[in-house]
Amino acid sequence: MTSTSEYYQNKVAVVTGGTSGIGLALAEMMLSYGAKQAVLADVNDENLKRETARLNTAYVDKVLGLHCDVTKEEDVQGMIRKAAEFGGRIDILFNNAGAGSVPA
């Protein structure tokens, strides 16, 4: 076991923007290293449903998908509460959600 995999063992992780790109890759990596559970938080409900189901197939009952718009405080508070209930705690929060804009 590597020191990296040891670090993630039995950790509960929350990843915002967790259903695509870097966020999804990070959640999968943490699960592969032995994370206890991962919470995917995202605004894209289609991706959320698909990726939560896919990861729960590979890592049975270790993944929770939550709709969360990080620009809305009530969404963030609800996501944190539900994530803590799911895992019993939160060890890692990877705030990956974001959007870019291109100047006109």
PDB file of N, CA and C in Angstrom:
ATOM      1  N   MET A   1       0.850  -1.177   0.000  1.00  0.00           N
ATOM      2  CA  MET A   1       0.000   0.000   0.000  1.00  0.00           C
ATOM      3  C   MET A   1       0.896   1.242   0.000  1.00  0.00           C
ATOM      4  N   THR A   2       0.559   2.198  -0.846  1.00  0.00           N
ATOM      5  CA  THR A   2       1.346   3.426  -0.927  1.00  0.00           C
ATOM      6  C   THR A   2       0.878   4.427   0.121  1.00  0.00           C
ATOM      7  N   SER A   3       1.686   5.433   0.362  1.00  0.00           N
ATOM      8  CA  SER A   3       1.280   6.466   1.319  1.00  0.00           C
ATOM      9  C   SER A   3       0.054   7.219   0.813  1.00  0.00           C
ATOM     10  N   THR A   4      -0.100   7.336  -0.511  1.00  0.00           N
ATOM     11  CA  THR A   4      -1.284   7.993  -1.069  1.00  0.00           C
ATOM     12  C   THR A   4      -2.532   7.185  -0.758  1.00  0.00           C
ATOM     13  N   SER A   5      -2.488   5.893  -1.020  1.00  0.00           N
ATOM     14  CA  SER A   5      -3.667   5.072  -0.750  1.00  0.00           C
ATOM     15  C   SER A   5      -3.946   5.001   0.746  1.00  0.00           C
ATOM     16  N   GLU A   6      -2.928   4.983   1.563  1.00  0.00           N
ATOM     17  CA  GLU A   6      -3.129   4.998   3.016  1.00  0.00           C
ATOM     18  C   GLU A   6      -3.867   6.253   3.450  1.00  0.00           C
ATOM     19  N   TYR A   7      -3.522   7.371   2.835  1.00  0.00           N
ATOM     20  CA  TYR A   7      -4.151   8.638   3.204  1.00  0.00           C
ATOM     21  C   TYR A   7      -5.667   8.597   2.998  1.00  0.00           C
ATOM     22  N   TYR A   8      -6.110   8.012   1.906  1.00  0.00           N
ATOM     23  CA  TYR A   8      -7.538   8.005   1.575  1.00  0.00           C
ATOM     24  C   TYR A   8      -8.330   6.886   2.251  1.00  0.00           C
ATOM     25  N   GLN A   9      -7.671   5.923   2.853  1.00  0.00           N
ATOM     26  CA  GLN A   9      -8.355   4.812   3.491  1.00  0.00           C
ATOM     27  C   GLN A   9      -9.383   5.308   4.506  1.00  0.00           C
ATOM     28  N   ASN A  10     -10.620   4.839   4.350  1.00  0.00           N
ATOM     29  CA  ASN A  10     -11.723   5.104   5.285  1.00  0.00           C
ATOM     30  C   ASN A  10     -12.085   6.570   5.436  1.00  0.00           C
ATOM     31  N   LYS A  11     -11.735   7.403   4.467  1.00  0.00           N
ATOM     32  CA  LYS A  11     -12.106   8.817   4.506  1.00  0.00           C
ATOM     33  C   LYS A  11     -13.451   9.002   3.810  1.00  0.00           C
ATOM     34  N   VAL A  12     -14.199  10.000   4.268  1.00  0.00           N
ATOM     35  CA  VAL A  12     -15.439  10.410   3.619  1.00  0.00           C
ATOM     36  C   VAL A  12     -15.134  11.699   2.873  1.00  0.00           C
ATOM     37  N   ALA A  13     -15.366  11.665   1.563  1.00  0.00           N
ATOM     38  CA  ALA A  13     -15.013  12.796   0.715  1.00  0.00           C
ATOM     39  C   ALA A  13     -16.243  13.393   0.047  1.00  0.00           C
ATOM     40  N   VAL A  14     -16.250  14.707  -0.071  1.00  0.00           N
ATOM     41  CA  VAL A  14     -17.281  15.442  -0.800  1.00  0.00           C
ATOM     42  C   VAL A  14     -16.587  16.178  -1.933  1.00  0.00           C
ATOM     43  N   VAL A  15     -17.134  16.041  -3.145  1.00  0.00           N
ATOM     44  CA  VAL A  15     -16.562  16.712  -4.305  1.00  0.00           C
ATOM     45  C   VAL A  15     -17.658  17.534  -4.983  1.00  0.00           C
ATOM     46  N   THR A  16     -17.521  18.856  -4.970  1.00  0.00           N
ATOM     47  CA  THR A  16     -18.455  19.682  -5.727  1.00  0.00           C
ATOM     48  C   THR A  16     -17.998  19.681  -7.181  1.00  0.00           C
ATOM     49  N   GLY A  17     -18.945  19.821  -8.089  1.00  0.00           N
ATOM     50  CA  GLY A  17     -18.607  19.655  -9.501  1.00  0.00           C
ATOM     51  C   GLY A  17     -18.120  18.243  -9.747  1.00  0.00           C
ATOM     52  N   GLY A  18     -18.737  17.304  -9.051  1.00  0.00           N
ATOM     53  CA  GLY A  18     -18.224  15.942  -8.993  1.00  0.00           C
ATOM     54  C   GLY A  18     -18.691  14.982 -10.060  1.00  0.00           C
ATOM     55  N   THR A  19     -19.423  15.449 -11.072  1.00  0.00           N
ATOM     56  CA  THR A  19     -19.943  14.490 -12.046  1.00  0.00           C
ATOM     57  C   THR A  19     -19.284  14.578 -13.413  1.00  0.00           C
ATOM     58  N   SER A  20     -18.211  15.336 -13.507  1.00  0.00           N
ATOM     59  CA  SER A  20     -17.483  15.396 -14.780  1.00  0.00           C
ATOM     60  C   SER A  20     -16.066  15.905 -14.530  1.00  0.00           C
ATOM     61  N   GLY A  21     -15.235  15.718 -15.511  1.00  0.00           N
ATOM     62  CA  GLY A  21     -13.894  16.279 -15.492  1.00  0.00           C
ATOM     63  C   GLY A  21     -13.071  15.922 -14.269  1.00  0.00           C
ATOM     64  N   ILE A  22     -12.366  16.921 -13.761  1.00  0.00           N
ATOM     65  CA  ILE A  22     -11.456  16.732 -12.629  1.00  0.00           C
ATOM     66  C   ILE A  22     -12.199  16.218 -11.402  1.00  0.00           C
ATOM     67  N   GLY A  23     -13.381  16.750 -11.119  1.00  0.00           N
ATOM     68  CA  GLY A  23     -14.129  16.327  -9.934  1.00  0.00           C
ATOM     69  C   GLY A  23     -14.478  14.855  -9.966  1.00  0.00           C
ATOM     70  N   LEU A  24     -14.967  14.385 -11.102  1.00  0.00           N
ATOM     71  CA  LEU A  24     -15.324  12.971 -11.237  1.00  0.00           C
ATOM     72  C   LEU A  24     -14.079  12.098 -11.142  1.00  0.00           C
ATOM     73  N   ALA A  25     -13.012  12.506 -11.817  1.00  0.00           N
ATOM     74  CA  ALA A  25     -11.763  11.734 -11.769  1.00  0.00           C
ATOM     75  C   ALA A  25     -11.230  11.649 -10.339  1.00  0.00           C
ATOM     76  N   LEU A  26     -11.314  12.740  -9.606  1.00  0.00           N
ATOM     77  CA  LEU A  26     -10.843  12.743  -8.224  1.00  0.00           C
ATOM     78  C   LEU A  26     -11.685  11.815  -7.354  1.00  0.00           C
ATOM     79  N   ALA A  27     -13.007  11.874  -7.507  1.00  0.00           N
ATOM     80  CA  ALA A  27     -13.881  11.005  -6.711  1.00  0.00           C
ATOM     81  C   ALA A  27     -13.567   9.535  -6.997  1.00  0.00           C
ATOM     82  N   GLU A  28     -13.404   9.200  -8.268  1.00  0.00           N
ATOM     83  CA  GLU A  28     -13.069   7.815  -8.628  1.00  0.00           C
ATOM     84  C   GLU A  28     -11.717   7.401  -8.069  1.00  0.00           C
ATOM     85  N   MET A  29     -10.757   8.290  -8.124  1.00  0.00           N
ATOM     86  CA  MET A  29      -9.432   7.987  -7.605  1.00  0.00           C
ATOM     87  C   MET A  29      -9.489   7.736  -6.101  1.00  0.00           C
ATOM     88  N   MET A  30     -10.202   8.585  -5.359  1.00  0.00           N
ATOM     89  CA  MET A  30     -10.290   8.401  -3.908  1.00  0.00           C
ATOM     90  C   MET A  30     -10.974   7.082  -3.566  1.00  0.00           C
ATOM     91  N   LEU A  31     -12.020   6.740  -4.300  1.00  0.00           N
ATOM     92  CA  LEU A  31     -12.684   5.456  -4.070  1.00  0.00           C
ATOM     93  C   LEU A  31     -11.744   4.294  -4.372  1.00  0.00           C
ATOM     94  N   SER A  32     -10.988   4.401  -5.449  1.00  0.00           N
ATOM     95  CA  SER A  32     -10.067   3.315  -5.807  1.00  0.00           C
ATOM     96  C   SER A  32      -8.965   3.148  -4.772  1.00  0.00           C
ATOM     97  N   TYR A  33      -8.648   4.216  -4.051  1.00  0.00           N
ATOM     98  CA  TYR A  33      -7.642   4.167  -2.994  1.00  0.00           C
ATOM     99  C   TYR A  33      -8.219   3.765  -1.640  1.00  0.00           C
ATOM    100  N   GLY A  34      -9.514   3.480  -1.608  1.00  0.00           N
ATOM    101  CA  GLY A  34     -10.101   2.973  -0.372  1.00  0.00           C
ATOM    102  C   GLY A  34     -10.890   3.957   0.451  1.00  0.00           C
ATOM    103  N   ALA A  35     -11.312   5.072  -0.156  1.00  0.00           N
ATOM    104  CA  ALA A  35     -12.173   5.992   0.579  1.00  0.00           C
ATOM    105  C   ALA A  35     -13.409   5.247   1.064  1.00  0.00           C
ATOM    106  N   LYS A  36     -13.864   5.584   2.257  1.00  0.00           N
ATOM    107  CA  LYS A  36     -15.051   4.942   2.833  1.00  0.00           C
ATOM    108  C   LYS A  36     -16.279   5.280   1.999  1.00  0.00           C
ATOM    109  N   GLN A  37     -16.432   6.556   1.662  1.00  0.00           N
ATOM    110  CA  GLN A  37     -17.577   7.006   0.876  1.00  0.00           C
ATOM    111  C   GLN A  37     -17.217   8.285   0.139  1.00  0.00           C
ATOM    112  N   ALA A  38     -17.942   8.536  -0.953  1.00  0.00           N
ATOM    113  CA  ALA A  38     -17.771   9.763  -1.715  1.00  0.00           C
ATOM    114  C   ALA A  38     -19.140  10.364  -2.005  1.00  0.00           C
ATOM    115  N   VAL A  39     -19.217  11.667  -1.865  1.00  0.00           N
ATOM    116  CA  VAL A  39     -20.428  12.405  -2.201  1.00  0.00           C
ATOM    117  C   VAL A  39     -20.121  13.254  -3.419  1.00  0.00           C
ATOM    118  N   LEU A  40     -20.914  13.052  -4.464  1.00  0.00           N
ATOM    119  CA  LEU A  40     -20.814  13.865  -5.665  1.00  0.00           C
ATOM    120  C   LEU A  40     -21.875  14.947  -5.578  1.00  0.00           C
ATOM    121  N   ALA A  41     -21.461  16.199  -5.590  1.00  0.00           N
ATOM    122  CA  ALA A  41     -22.401  17.320  -5.546  1.00  0.00           C
ATOM    123  C   ALA A  41     -22.296  18.068  -6.865  1.00  0.00           C
ATOM    124  N   ASP A  42     -23.435  18.278  -7.518  1.00  0.00           N
ATOM    125  CA  ASP A  42     -23.397  18.909  -8.835  1.00  0.00           C
ATOM    126  C   ASP A  42     -24.771  19.489  -9.173  1.00  0.00           C
ATOM    127  N   VAL A  43     -24.796  20.417 -10.124  1.00  0.00           N
ATOM    128  CA  VAL A  43     -26.063  20.978 -10.588  1.00  0.00           C
ATOM    129  C   VAL A  43     -26.624  20.218 -11.779  1.00  0.00           C
ATOM    130  N   ASN A  44     -25.806  19.412 -12.421  1.00  0.00           N
ATOM    131  CA  ASN A  44     -26.242  18.676 -13.597  1.00  0.00           C
ATOM    132  C   ASN A  44     -26.894  17.366 -13.160  1.00  0.00           C
ATOM    133  N   ASP A  45     -28.216  17.381 -13.094  1.00  0.00           N
ATOM    134  CA  ASP A  45     -28.948  16.222 -12.576  1.00  0.00           C
ATOM    135  C   ASP A  45     -28.785  14.976 -13.439  1.00  0.00           C
ATOM    136  N   GLU A  46     -28.677  15.140 -14.750  1.00  0.00           N
ATOM    137  CA  GLU A  46     -28.505  13.983 -15.630  1.00  0.00           C
ATOM    138  C   GLU A  46     -27.162  13.303 -15.351  1.00  0.00           C
ATOM    139  N   ASN A  47     -26.094  14.081 -15.295  1.00  0.00           N
ATOM    140  CA  ASN A  47     -24.772  13.527 -14.974  1.00  0.00           C
ATOM    141  C   ASN A  47     -24.758  12.941 -13.570  1.00  0.00           C
ATOM    142  N   LEU A  48     -25.416  13.617 -12.648  1.00  0.00           N
ATOM    143  CA  LEU A  48     -25.452  13.177 -11.253  1.00  0.00           C
ATOM    144  C   LEU A  48     -26.071  11.790 -11.138  1.00  0.00           C
ATOM    145  N   LYS A  49     -27.196  11.594 -11.782  1.00  0.00           N
ATOM    146  CA  LYS A  49     -27.876  10.297 -11.735  1.00  0.00           C
ATOM    147  C   LYS A  49     -27.011   9.214 -12.387  1.00  0.00           C
ATOM    148  N   ARG A  50     -26.478   9.509 -13.573  1.00  0.00           N
ATOM    149  CA  ARG A  50     -25.686   8.524 -14.319  1.00  0.00           C
ATOM    150  C   ARG A  50     -24.395   8.143 -13.576  1.00  0.00           C
ATOM    151  N   GLU A  51     -23.638   9.139 -13.129  1.00  0.00           N
ATOM    152  CA  GLU A  51     -22.335   8.854 -12.514  1.00  0.00           C
ATOM    153  C   GLU A  51     -22.478   8.255 -11.116  1.00  0.00           C
ATOM    154  N   THR A  52     -23.498   8.664 -10.377  1.00  0.00           N
ATOM    155  CA  THR A  52     -23.738   8.051  -9.063  1.00  0.00           C
ATOM    156  C   THR A  52     -24.077   6.579  -9.232  1.00  0.00           C
ATOM    157  N   ALA A  53     -24.941   6.256 -10.184  1.00  0.00           N
ATOM    158  CA  ALA A  53     -25.305   4.861 -10.435  1.00  0.00           C
ATOM    159  C   ALA A  53     -24.096   4.059 -10.899  1.00  0.00           C
ATOM    160  N   ARG A  54     -23.313   4.619 -11.803  1.00  0.00           N
ATOM    161  CA  ARG A  54     -22.135   3.910 -12.319  1.00  0.00           C
ATOM    162  C   ARG A  54     -21.133   3.623 -11.207  1.00  0.00           C
ATOM    163  N   LEU A  55     -20.851   4.629 -10.390  1.00  0.00           N
ATOM    164  CA  LEU A  55     -19.876   4.430  -9.313  1.00  0.00           C
ATOM    165  C   LEU A  55     -20.404   3.503  -8.228  1.00  0.00           C
ATOM    166  N   ASN A  56     -21.704   3.549  -7.970  1.00  0.00           N
ATOM    167  CA  ASN A  56     -22.271   2.635  -6.974  1.00  0.00           C
ATOM    168  C   ASN A  56     -22.262   1.185  -7.457  1.00  0.00           C
ATOM    169  N   THR A  57     -22.183   0.984  -8.760  1.00  0.00           N
ATOM    170  CA  THR A  57     -22.029  -0.366  -9.291  1.00  0.00           C
ATOM    171  C   THR A  57     -20.623  -0.882  -8.989  1.00  0.00           C
ATOM    172  N   ALA A  58     -19.646  -0.026  -9.173  1.00  0.00           N
ATOM    173  CA  ALA A  58     -18.253  -0.412  -8.925  1.00  0.00           C
ATOM    174  C   ALA A  58     -17.896  -0.403  -7.435  1.00  0.00           C
ATOM    175  N   TYR A  59     -18.485   0.531  -6.690  1.00  0.00           N
ATOM    176  CA  TYR A  59     -18.201   0.702  -5.253  1.00  0.00           C
ATOM    177  C   TYR A  59     -19.545   0.702  -4.529  1.00  0.00           C
ATOM    178  N   VAL A  60     -20.066  -0.478  -4.286  1.00  0.00           N
ATOM    179  CA  VAL A  60     -21.439  -0.667  -3.821  1.00  0.00           C
ATOM    180  C   VAL A  60     -21.739   0.143  -2.558  1.00  0.00           C
ATOM    181  N   ASP A  61     -22.776   0.970  -2.672  1.00  0.00           N
ATOM    182  CA  ASP A  61     -23.305   1.792  -1.578  1.00  0.00           C
ATOM    183  C   ASP A  61     -22.288   2.766  -0.980  1.00  0.00           C
ATOM    184  N   LYS A  62     -21.277   3.140  -1.753  1.00  0.00           N
ATOM    185  CA  LYS A  62     -20.275   4.070  -1.244  1.00  0.00           C
ATOM    186  C   LYS A  62     -20.420   5.476  -1.817  1.00  0.00           C
ATOM    187  N   VAL A  63     -21.392   5.687  -2.707  1.00  0.00           N
ATOM    188  CA  VAL A  63     -21.499   6.974  -3.389  1.00  0.00           C
ATOM    189  C   VAL A  63     -22.900   7.553  -3.226  1.00  0.00           C
ATOM    190  N   LEU A  64     -22.934   8.829  -2.887  1.00  0.00           N
ATOM    191  CA  LEU A  64     -24.193   9.568  -2.783  1.00  0.00           C
ATOM    192  C   LEU A  64     -24.112  10.744  -3.742  1.00  0.00           C
ATOM    193  N   GLY A  65     -25.121  10.911  -4.561  1.00  0.00           N
ATOM    194  CA  GLY A  65     -25.203  12.061  -5.457  1.00  0.00           C
ATOM    195  C   GLY A  65     -26.189  13.068  -4.909  1.00  0.00           C
ATOM    196  N   LEU A  66     -25.759  14.318  -4.841  1.00  0.00           N
ATOM    197  CA  LEU A  66     -26.621  15.379  -4.326  1.00  0.00           C
ATOM    198  C   LEU A  66     -26.640  16.566  -5.279  1.00  0.00           C
ATOM    199  N   HIS A  67     -27.841  17.041  -5.569  1.00  0.00           N
ATOM    200  CA  HIS A  67     -27.953  18.270  -6.357  1.00  0.00           C
ATOM    201  C   HIS A  67     -27.491  19.426  -5.473  1.00  0.00           C
ATOM    202  N   CYS A  68     -26.588  20.237  -5.994  1.00  0.00           N
ATOM    203  CA  CYS A  68     -26.107  21.391  -5.231  1.00  0.00           C
ATOM    204  C   CYS A  68     -25.616  22.470  -6.178  1.00  0.00           C
ATOM    205  N   ASP A  69     -26.209  23.637  -6.055  1.00  0.00           N
ATOM    206  CA  ASP A  69     -25.738  24.821  -6.761  1.00  0.00           C
ATOM    207  C   ASP A  69     -24.910  25.610  -5.759  1.00  0.00           C
ATOM    208  N   VAL A  70     -23.596  25.632  -5.930  1.00  0.00           N
ATOM    209  CA  VAL A  70     -22.717  26.249  -4.932  1.00  0.00           C
ATOM    210  C   VAL A  70     -22.861  27.766  -4.865  1.00  0.00           C
ATOM    211  N   THR A  71     -23.634  28.360  -5.776  1.00  0.00           N
ATOM    212  CA  THR A  71     -23.896  29.797  -5.681  1.00  0.00           C
ATOM    213  C   THR A  71     -25.069  30.097  -4.754  1.00  0.00           C
ATOM    214  N   LYS A  72     -25.704  29.049  -4.240  1.00  0.00           N
ATOM    215  CA  LYS A  72     -26.858  29.210  -3.344  1.00  0.00           C
ATOM    216  C   LYS A  72     -26.514  28.651  -1.971  1.00  0.00           C
ATOM    217  N   GLU A  73     -26.468  29.524  -0.982  1.00  0.00           N
ATOM    218  CA  GLU A  73     -26.073  29.123   0.367  1.00  0.00           C
ATOM    219  C   GLU A  73     -26.935  27.991   0.913  1.00  0.00           C
ATOM    220  N   GLU A  74     -28.228  28.039   0.674  1.00  0.00           N
ATOM    221  CA  GLU A  74     -29.107  26.999   1.204  1.00  0.00           C
ATOM    222  C   GLU A  74     -28.798  25.638   0.578  1.00  0.00           C
ATOM    223  N   ASP A  75     -28.421  25.613  -0.701  1.00  0.00           N
ATOM    224  CA  ASP A  75     -28.014  24.355  -1.337  1.00  0.00           C
ATOM    225  C   ASP A  75     -26.747  23.807  -0.683  1.00  0.00           C
ATOM    226  N   VAL A  76     -25.786  24.681  -0.450  1.00  0.00           N
ATOM    227  CA  VAL A  76     -24.514  24.256   0.144  1.00  0.00           C
ATOM    228  C   VAL A  76     -24.734  23.734   1.565  1.00  0.00           C
ATOM    229  N   GLN A  77     -25.515  24.447   2.359  1.00  0.00           N
ATOM    230  CA  GLN A  77     -25.785  23.994   3.727  1.00  0.00           C
ATOM    231  C   GLN A  77     -26.485  22.646   3.731  1.00  0.00           C
ATOM    232  N   GLY A  78     -27.459  22.477   2.855  1.00  0.00           N
ATOM    233  CA  GLY A  78     -28.168  21.201   2.764  1.00  0.00           C
ATOM    234  C   GLY A  78     -27.263  20.075   2.311  1.00  0.00           C
ATOM    235  N   MET A  79     -26.384  20.363   1.349  1.00  0.00           N
ATOM    236  CA  MET A  79     -25.452  19.359   0.854  1.00  0.00           C
ATOM    237  C   MET A  79     -24.503  18.913   1.955  1.00  0.00           C
ATOM    238  N   ILE A  80     -23.971  19.857   2.717  1.00  0.00           N
ATOM    239  CA  ILE A  80     -23.049  19.525   3.802  1.00  0.00           C
ATOM    240  C   ILE A  80     -23.761  18.674   4.863  1.00  0.00           C
ATOM    241  N   ARG A  81     -24.975  19.051   5.217  1.00  0.00           N
ATOM    242  CA  ARG A  81     -25.736  18.296   6.213  1.00  0.00           C
ATOM    243  C   ARG A  81     -25.997  16.864   5.745  1.00  0.00           C
ATOM    244  N   LYS A  82     -26.466  16.712   4.495  1.00  0.00           N
ATOM    245  CA  LYS A  82     -26.764  15.379   3.964  1.00  0.00           C
ATOM    246  C   LYS A  82     -25.500  14.542   3.787  1.00  0.00           C
ATOM    247  N   ALA A  83     -24.418  15.171   3.374  1.00  0.00           N
ATOM    248  CA  ALA A  83     -23.155  14.451   3.211  1.00  0.00           C
ATOM    249  C   ALA A  83     -22.649  13.939   4.557  1.00  0.00           C
ATOM    250  N   ALA A  84     -22.739  14.769   5.586  1.00  0.00           N
ATOM    251  CA  ALA A  84     -22.296  14.354   6.926  1.00  0.00           C
ATOM    252  C   ALA A  84     -23.178  13.232   7.465  1.00  0.00           C
ATOM    253  N   GLU A  85     -24.480  13.276   7.184  1.00  0.00           N
ATOM    254  CA  GLU A  85     -25.375  12.204   7.601  1.00  0.00           C
ATOM    255  C   GLU A  85     -25.027  10.906   6.874  1.00  0.00           C
ATOM    256  N   PHE A  86     -24.719  10.993   5.594  1.00  0.00           N
ATOM    257  CA  PHE A  86     -24.400   9.815   4.783  1.00  0.00           C
ATOM    258  C   PHE A  86     -23.131   9.128   5.273  1.00  0.00           C
ATOM    259  N   GLY A  87     -22.098   9.896   5.526  1.00  0.00           N
ATOM    260  CA  GLY A  87     -20.815   9.312   5.891  1.00  0.00           C
ATOM    261  C   GLY A  87     -20.504   9.328   7.368  1.00  0.00           C
ATOM    262  N   GLY A  88     -21.342   9.994   8.144  1.00  0.00           N
ATOM    263  CA  GLY A  88     -21.077  10.122   9.568  1.00  0.00           C
ATOM    264  C   GLY A  88     -20.125  11.260   9.890  1.00  0.00           C
ATOM    265  N   ARG A  89     -19.466  11.751   8.865  1.00  0.00           N
ATOM    266  CA  ARG A  89     -18.519  12.857   9.011  1.00  0.00           C
ATOM    267  C   ARG A  89     -18.074  13.257   7.600  1.00  0.00           C
ATOM    268  N   ILE A  90     -17.317  14.333   7.512  1.00  0.00           N
ATOM    269  CA  ILE A  90     -16.678  14.725   6.258  1.00  0.00           C
ATOM    270  C   ILE A  90     -15.194  14.905   6.561  1.00  0.00           C
ATOM    271  N   ASP A  91     -14.362  14.131   5.885  1.00  0.00           N
ATOM    272  CA  ASP A  91     -12.923  14.235   6.072  1.00  0.00           C
ATOM    273  C   ASP A  91     -12.268  15.131   5.031  1.00  0.00           C
ATOM    274  N   ILE A  92     -12.804  15.097   3.814  1.00  0.00           N
ATOM    275  CA  ILE A  92     -12.218  15.838   2.698  1.00  0.00           C
ATOM    276  C   ILE A  92     -13.334  16.563   1.960  1.00  0.00           C
ATOM    277  N   LEU A  93     -13.131  17.851   1.694  1.00  0.00           N
ATOM    278  CA  LEU A  93     -14.056  18.616   0.857  1.00  0.00           C
ATOM    279  C   LEU A  93     -13.243  19.220  -0.274  1.00  0.00           C
ATOM    280  N   PHE A  94     -13.519  18.760  -1.486  1.00  0.00           N
ATOM    281  CA  PHE A  94     -12.822  19.260  -2.662  1.00  0.00           C
ATOM    282  C   PHE A  94     -13.790  20.166  -3.394  1.00  0.00           C
ATOM    283  N   ASN A  95     -13.576  21.473  -3.270  1.00  0.00           N
ATOM    284  CA  ASN A  95     -14.468  22.459  -3.870  1.00  0.00           C
ATOM    285  C   ASN A  95     -14.042  22.714  -5.308  1.00  0.00           C
ATOM    286  N   ASN A  96     -14.574  21.893  -6.196  1.00  0.00           N
ATOM    287  CA  ASN A  96     -14.179  21.890  -7.593  1.00  0.00           C
ATOM    288  C   ASN A  96     -15.185  22.594  -8.501  1.00  0.00           C
ATOM    289  N   ALA A  97     -16.386  22.878  -8.016  1.00  0.00           N
ATOM    290  CA  ALA A  97     -17.427  23.453  -8.863  1.00  0.00           C
ATOM    291  C   ALA A  97     -17.032  24.845  -9.309  1.00  0.00           C
ATOM    292  N   GLY A  98     -17.388  25.131 -10.529  1.00  0.00           N
ATOM    293  CA  GLY A  98     -17.111  26.466 -11.041  1.00  0.00           C
ATOM    294  C   GLY A  98     -17.565  26.574 -12.472  1.00  0.00           C
ATOM    295  N   ALA A  99     -17.587  27.783 -12.933  1.00  0.00           N
ATOM    296  CA  ALA A  99     -17.967  28.043 -14.312  1.00  0.00           C
ATOM    297  C   ALA A  99     -17.061  29.131 -14.841  1.00  0.00           C
ATOM    298  N   GLY A 100     -16.749  29.028 -16.085  1.00  0.00           N
ATOM    299  CA  GLY A 100     -15.915  30.048 -16.704  1.00  0.00           C
ATOM    300  C   GLY A 100     -16.742  30.936 -17.597  1.00  0.00           C
ATOM    301  N   SER A 101     -16.200  32.073 -17.889  1.00  0.00           N
ATOM    302  CA  SER A 101     -16.868  32.965 -18.837  1.00  0.00           C
ATOM    303  C   SER A 101     -15.805  33.536 -19.757  1.00  0.00           C
ATOM    304  N   VAL A 102     -16.247  33.805 -20.947  1.00  0.00           N
ATOM    305  CA  VAL A 102     -15.352  34.381 -21.941  1.00  0.00           C
ATOM    306  C   VAL A 102     -15.829  35.795 -22.233  1.00  0.00           C
ATOM    307  N   PRO A 103     -14.934  36.774 -22.117  1.00  0.00           N
ATOM    308  CA  PRO A 103     -15.345  38.147 -22.394  1.00  0.00           C
ATOM    309  C   PRO A 103     -15.833  38.297 -23.841  1.00  0.00           C
ATOM    310  N   ALA A 104     -16.809  39.131 -24.014  1.00  0.00           N
ATOM    311  CA  ALA A 104     -17.369  39.345 -25.361  1.00  0.00           C
ATOM    312  C   ALA A 104     -16.460  40.202 -26.206  1.00  0.00           C
TER     313      ALA A 104
END
